[in-house]
Protein backbone atom coordinates (compact mmCIF):
# COMPACT_ATOMS: atom_id res chain seq x y z
CA MET A 1 80.57 23.41 75.29
CA MET A 2 77.32 22.74 77.14
CA ARG A 3 76.34 19.08 77.62
CA ILE A 4 72.69 18.15 78.18
CA LEU A 5 71.30 14.66 78.82
CA ILE A 6 67.62 14.07 78.00
CA ALA A 7 65.78 11.10 79.51
CA ASP A 8 62.40 10.14 78.06
CA ASP A 9 61.05 6.80 76.86
CA HIS A 10 59.64 8.36 73.68
CA ALA A 11 62.23 8.90 70.94
CA ILE A 12 60.10 11.62 69.32
CA VAL A 13 60.17 13.65 72.54
CA ARG A 14 63.95 13.34 72.83
CA LYS A 15 64.36 14.35 69.18
CA GLY A 16 61.99 17.31 69.51
CA LEU A 17 63.75 18.64 72.58
CA LYS A 18 67.13 18.29 70.92
CA GLN A 19 65.94 20.35 67.96
CA LEU A 20 64.57 23.08 70.21
CA ILE A 21 67.74 23.27 72.27
CA LEU A 22 70.06 23.29 69.25
CA GLU A 23 68.20 26.27 67.79
CA GLU A 24 69.25 28.28 70.84
CA TYR A 25 72.52 26.49 71.63
CA PRO A 26 73.88 25.21 68.27
CA SER A 27 77.17 24.08 69.82
CA ALA A 28 75.53 22.11 72.65
CA GLN A 29 76.33 18.42 72.93
CA LEU A 30 73.12 16.44 73.50
CA ALA A 31 72.46 12.80 74.32
CA GLY A 32 69.37 10.77 75.16
CA ALA A 33 68.33 7.96 77.48
CA LYS A 34 65.18 5.87 77.25
CA ASP A 35 64.89 4.90 80.93
CA THR A 36 66.40 5.47 84.37
CA GLU A 37 68.96 2.69 83.99
CA GLU A 38 70.36 4.15 80.76
CA LEU A 39 70.25 7.64 82.26
CA MET A 40 72.36 6.64 85.26
CA SER A 41 74.77 4.73 83.02
CA LYS A 42 75.36 7.76 80.78
CA LEU A 43 75.81 10.01 83.78
CA MET A 44 78.79 7.91 84.79
CA GLU A 45 80.36 8.04 81.34
CA ALA A 46 80.99 11.80 81.14
CA PRO A 47 80.29 15.12 82.91
CA TRP A 48 76.98 16.88 82.17
CA ASP A 49 75.71 20.41 82.71
CA ILE A 50 71.97 19.70 82.84
CA VAL A 51 69.70 16.67 82.96
CA ILE A 52 66.16 16.86 81.57
CA CYS A 53 64.15 13.88 82.81
CA ASP A 54 60.60 12.68 82.29
CA LEU A 55 58.68 11.93 85.48
CA ASN A 56 57.18 8.70 84.14
CA MET A 57 59.44 6.19 82.44
CA PRO A 58 59.49 2.40 82.23
CA GLY A 59 60.98 0.80 85.32
CA ARG A 60 62.06 3.25 88.00
CA SER A 61 60.36 6.63 87.82
CA GLY A 62 61.90 10.00 87.12
CA LEU A 63 61.39 10.84 90.78
CA ASP A 64 63.50 7.83 91.70
CA ALA A 65 66.12 8.94 89.17
CA LEU A 66 66.09 12.43 90.69
CA HIS A 67 66.90 11.01 94.14
CA GLN A 68 69.78 8.98 92.71
CA ILE A 69 71.19 11.96 90.84
CA ARG A 70 70.92 14.25 93.86
CA HIS A 71 72.82 11.69 95.90
CA ALA A 72 75.55 10.94 93.34
CA TYR A 73 75.81 14.37 91.65
CA PRO A 74 74.45 16.95 94.13
CA SER A 75 75.49 19.97 92.05
CA LEU A 76 73.96 18.71 88.77
CA PRO A 77 70.70 20.55 87.95
CA VAL A 78 67.79 18.31 86.97
CA LEU A 79 64.70 19.58 85.16
CA ILE A 80 61.72 17.25 85.55
CA MET A 81 59.12 17.21 82.77
CA SER A 82 55.70 15.58 82.82
CA MET A 83 52.31 15.57 81.15
CA TYR A 84 50.69 15.85 84.60
CA PRO A 85 49.47 19.19 86.02
CA GLU A 86 51.97 21.44 87.74
CA ASP A 87 49.70 21.95 90.73
CA GLN A 88 49.89 18.23 91.59
CA TYR A 89 53.52 17.39 90.93
CA ALA A 90 55.71 20.49 90.89
CA LEU A 91 55.99 20.94 94.65
CA ARG A 92 56.96 17.30 95.17
CA VAL A 93 59.77 17.34 92.61
CA LEU A 94 61.05 20.72 93.79
CA LYS A 95 61.16 19.46 97.37
CA ALA A 96 63.05 16.41 96.10
CA GLY A 97 65.73 18.68 94.68
CA ALA A 98 64.70 19.32 91.07
CA ALA A 99 65.85 22.56 89.47
CA GLY A 100 62.44 23.00 87.89
CA TYR A 101 59.25 21.36 86.64
CA LEU A 102 58.17 21.50 82.99
CA GLY A 103 54.65 20.64 81.89
CA LYS A 104 54.79 18.93 78.51
CA ASP A 105 51.87 21.02 77.25
CA ASN A 106 54.04 24.14 77.47
CA ILE A 107 57.51 22.65 77.13
CA HIS A 108 58.13 24.26 73.72
CA GLU A 109 57.66 27.66 75.35
CA ASP A 110 59.47 26.93 78.61
CA ILE A 111 62.45 24.70 77.84
CA ILE A 112 64.88 27.44 76.77
CA LYS A 113 63.82 29.73 79.62
CA ALA A 114 64.31 26.84 82.02
CA ILE A 115 67.81 26.10 80.72
CA HIS A 116 68.77 29.79 80.94
CA THR A 117 67.49 29.90 84.51
CA VAL A 118 69.23 26.80 85.85
CA LEU A 119 72.52 27.76 84.16
CA LEU A 120 72.39 30.87 86.35
CA GLY A 121 72.10 28.63 89.41
CA LYS A 122 68.43 29.39 89.99
CA LYS A 123 65.30 27.27 90.05
CA PHE A 124 62.85 27.50 87.16
CA ILE A 125 59.39 28.23 88.57
CA THR A 126 56.38 29.10 86.42
CA PRO A 127 53.67 31.50 87.66
CA ALA A 128 51.39 28.52 88.34
CA VAL A 129 54.03 26.85 90.50
CA ALA A 130 54.77 30.14 92.29
CA GLU A 131 51.08 30.38 93.16
CA LYS A 132 51.12 26.81 94.44
CA LEU A 133 54.15 27.59 96.59
CA ALA A 134 52.35 30.60 98.03
CA ASP A 135 49.29 28.49 98.77
CA ALA A 136 51.47 25.99 100.61
CA PHE A 137 51.96 28.57 103.35
CA GLY A 138 48.23 29.13 103.78
CA SER A 139 45.43 26.97 105.10
CA LYS A 140 44.59 24.03 102.85
CA ASN A 141 41.81 21.50 102.71
CA GLN A 142 43.53 18.36 103.96
CA GLU A 143 41.03 16.09 102.24
CA LEU A 144 42.03 17.46 98.83
CA ASN A 145 45.72 16.88 99.49
CA LEU A 146 45.91 13.45 101.10
CA HIS A 147 48.58 12.34 98.62
CA GLU A 148 50.89 15.07 99.91
CA LYS A 149 51.24 13.10 103.14
CA LEU A 150 53.12 10.39 101.27
CA SER A 151 56.87 10.04 101.02
CA ASP A 152 58.28 9.97 97.49
CA ARG A 153 58.58 6.17 97.50
CA GLU A 154 55.05 5.81 98.88
CA PHE A 155 53.88 8.19 96.18
CA ASP A 156 55.47 6.03 93.47
CA VAL A 157 53.74 2.93 94.89
CA PHE A 158 50.46 4.82 95.19
CA LYS A 159 50.52 5.84 91.52
CA LEU A 160 51.24 2.30 90.38
CA LEU A 161 48.53 0.83 92.59
CA ALA A 162 46.07 3.46 91.39
CA GLY A 163 47.01 2.59 87.82
CA GLY A 164 46.00 -1.03 88.38
CA LYS A 165 49.43 -2.62 88.83
CA PRO A 166 49.53 -5.72 91.07
CA VAL A 167 51.96 -5.77 93.98
CA SER A 168 54.20 -8.34 92.29
CA ASP A 169 54.62 -6.16 89.18
CA ILE A 170 55.34 -3.08 91.29
CA ALA A 171 57.99 -5.00 93.21
CA GLU A 172 59.71 -5.97 89.96
CA GLN A 173 59.48 -2.48 88.48
CA LEU A 174 60.87 -0.75 91.57
CA SER A 175 63.39 -3.48 92.38
CA LEU A 176 61.78 -4.14 95.76
CA SER A 177 60.51 -7.28 97.46
CA VAL A 178 56.81 -8.10 97.40
CA THR A 179 56.78 -7.81 101.19
CA THR A 180 58.25 -4.31 101.04
CA VAL A 181 55.71 -3.16 98.45
CA SER A 182 52.89 -4.64 100.56
CA THR A 183 54.20 -2.63 103.51
CA TYR A 184 54.22 0.53 101.40
CA ARG A 185 50.68 -0.23 100.25
CA ALA A 186 49.52 -0.51 103.86
CA ARG A 187 51.17 2.82 104.70
CA VAL A 188 49.58 4.50 101.69
CA LEU A 189 46.11 3.29 102.59
CA GLU A 190 46.56 4.37 106.20
CA LYS A 191 47.92 7.83 105.40
CA MET A 192 45.26 8.46 102.78
CA GLU A 193 42.49 7.08 105.00
CA MET A 194 41.35 4.59 102.37
CA LYS A 195 40.54 0.90 102.34
CA SER A 196 41.22 -0.45 98.86
CA ASN A 197 43.09 0.02 95.61
CA ALA A 198 39.82 1.08 94.02
CA ASP A 199 39.67 4.00 96.46
CA LEU A 200 43.19 4.99 95.44
CA THR A 201 42.24 4.85 91.75
CA ARG A 202 39.20 7.06 92.24
CA TYR A 203 41.25 9.58 94.20
CA ALA A 204 44.05 9.61 91.62
CA LEU A 205 41.59 10.15 88.76
CA ASP A 206 39.74 12.90 90.63
CA HIS A 207 43.01 14.72 91.28
CA LYS A 208 44.50 14.09 87.81
CA LEU A 209 47.42 12.13 89.20
CA ILE A 210 47.17 9.35 86.62
């Protein structure tokens, strides 16, 4: 019996995915989690075959959850889903160890194919992501990809800063000290050659990162 754990802060998304999966795998055992904390708790309760996790959830992000899962359960495939464009996020989550990236706009079409693929021990890669991977080996305009210089933790801080979150709120959300977040902020600004949070916001909006 296949066991799949779905993490998304929207109950309607969890319910919709469950219905889609049960149509193809009627004997599958499915469970949901509303945030990273509940996800990690349920992972410890029983063995799972696949985790499907939203990139953006309250508290720690799906990217943070992915790192924790890869460390604690290195053989467990994780599919990351998001409303953000594949060309901006897919490479980062694949490099972080995800088994695939699902855009929510096409998730009804891709979810079953993705599950089939990862159950075979392969990574699920759409044509758009394959093209992005090919481009990664060619020459790229560095100015258009400044965010790709950031580590995953810096990227999380960057998104929150660009979204207007104050340092104190980011520290609480990511379970970090204010000093540590301020250090990350300084690194982000330096790596992205910017001077203020407003610059980060403009960049993030221009590149559809928030």
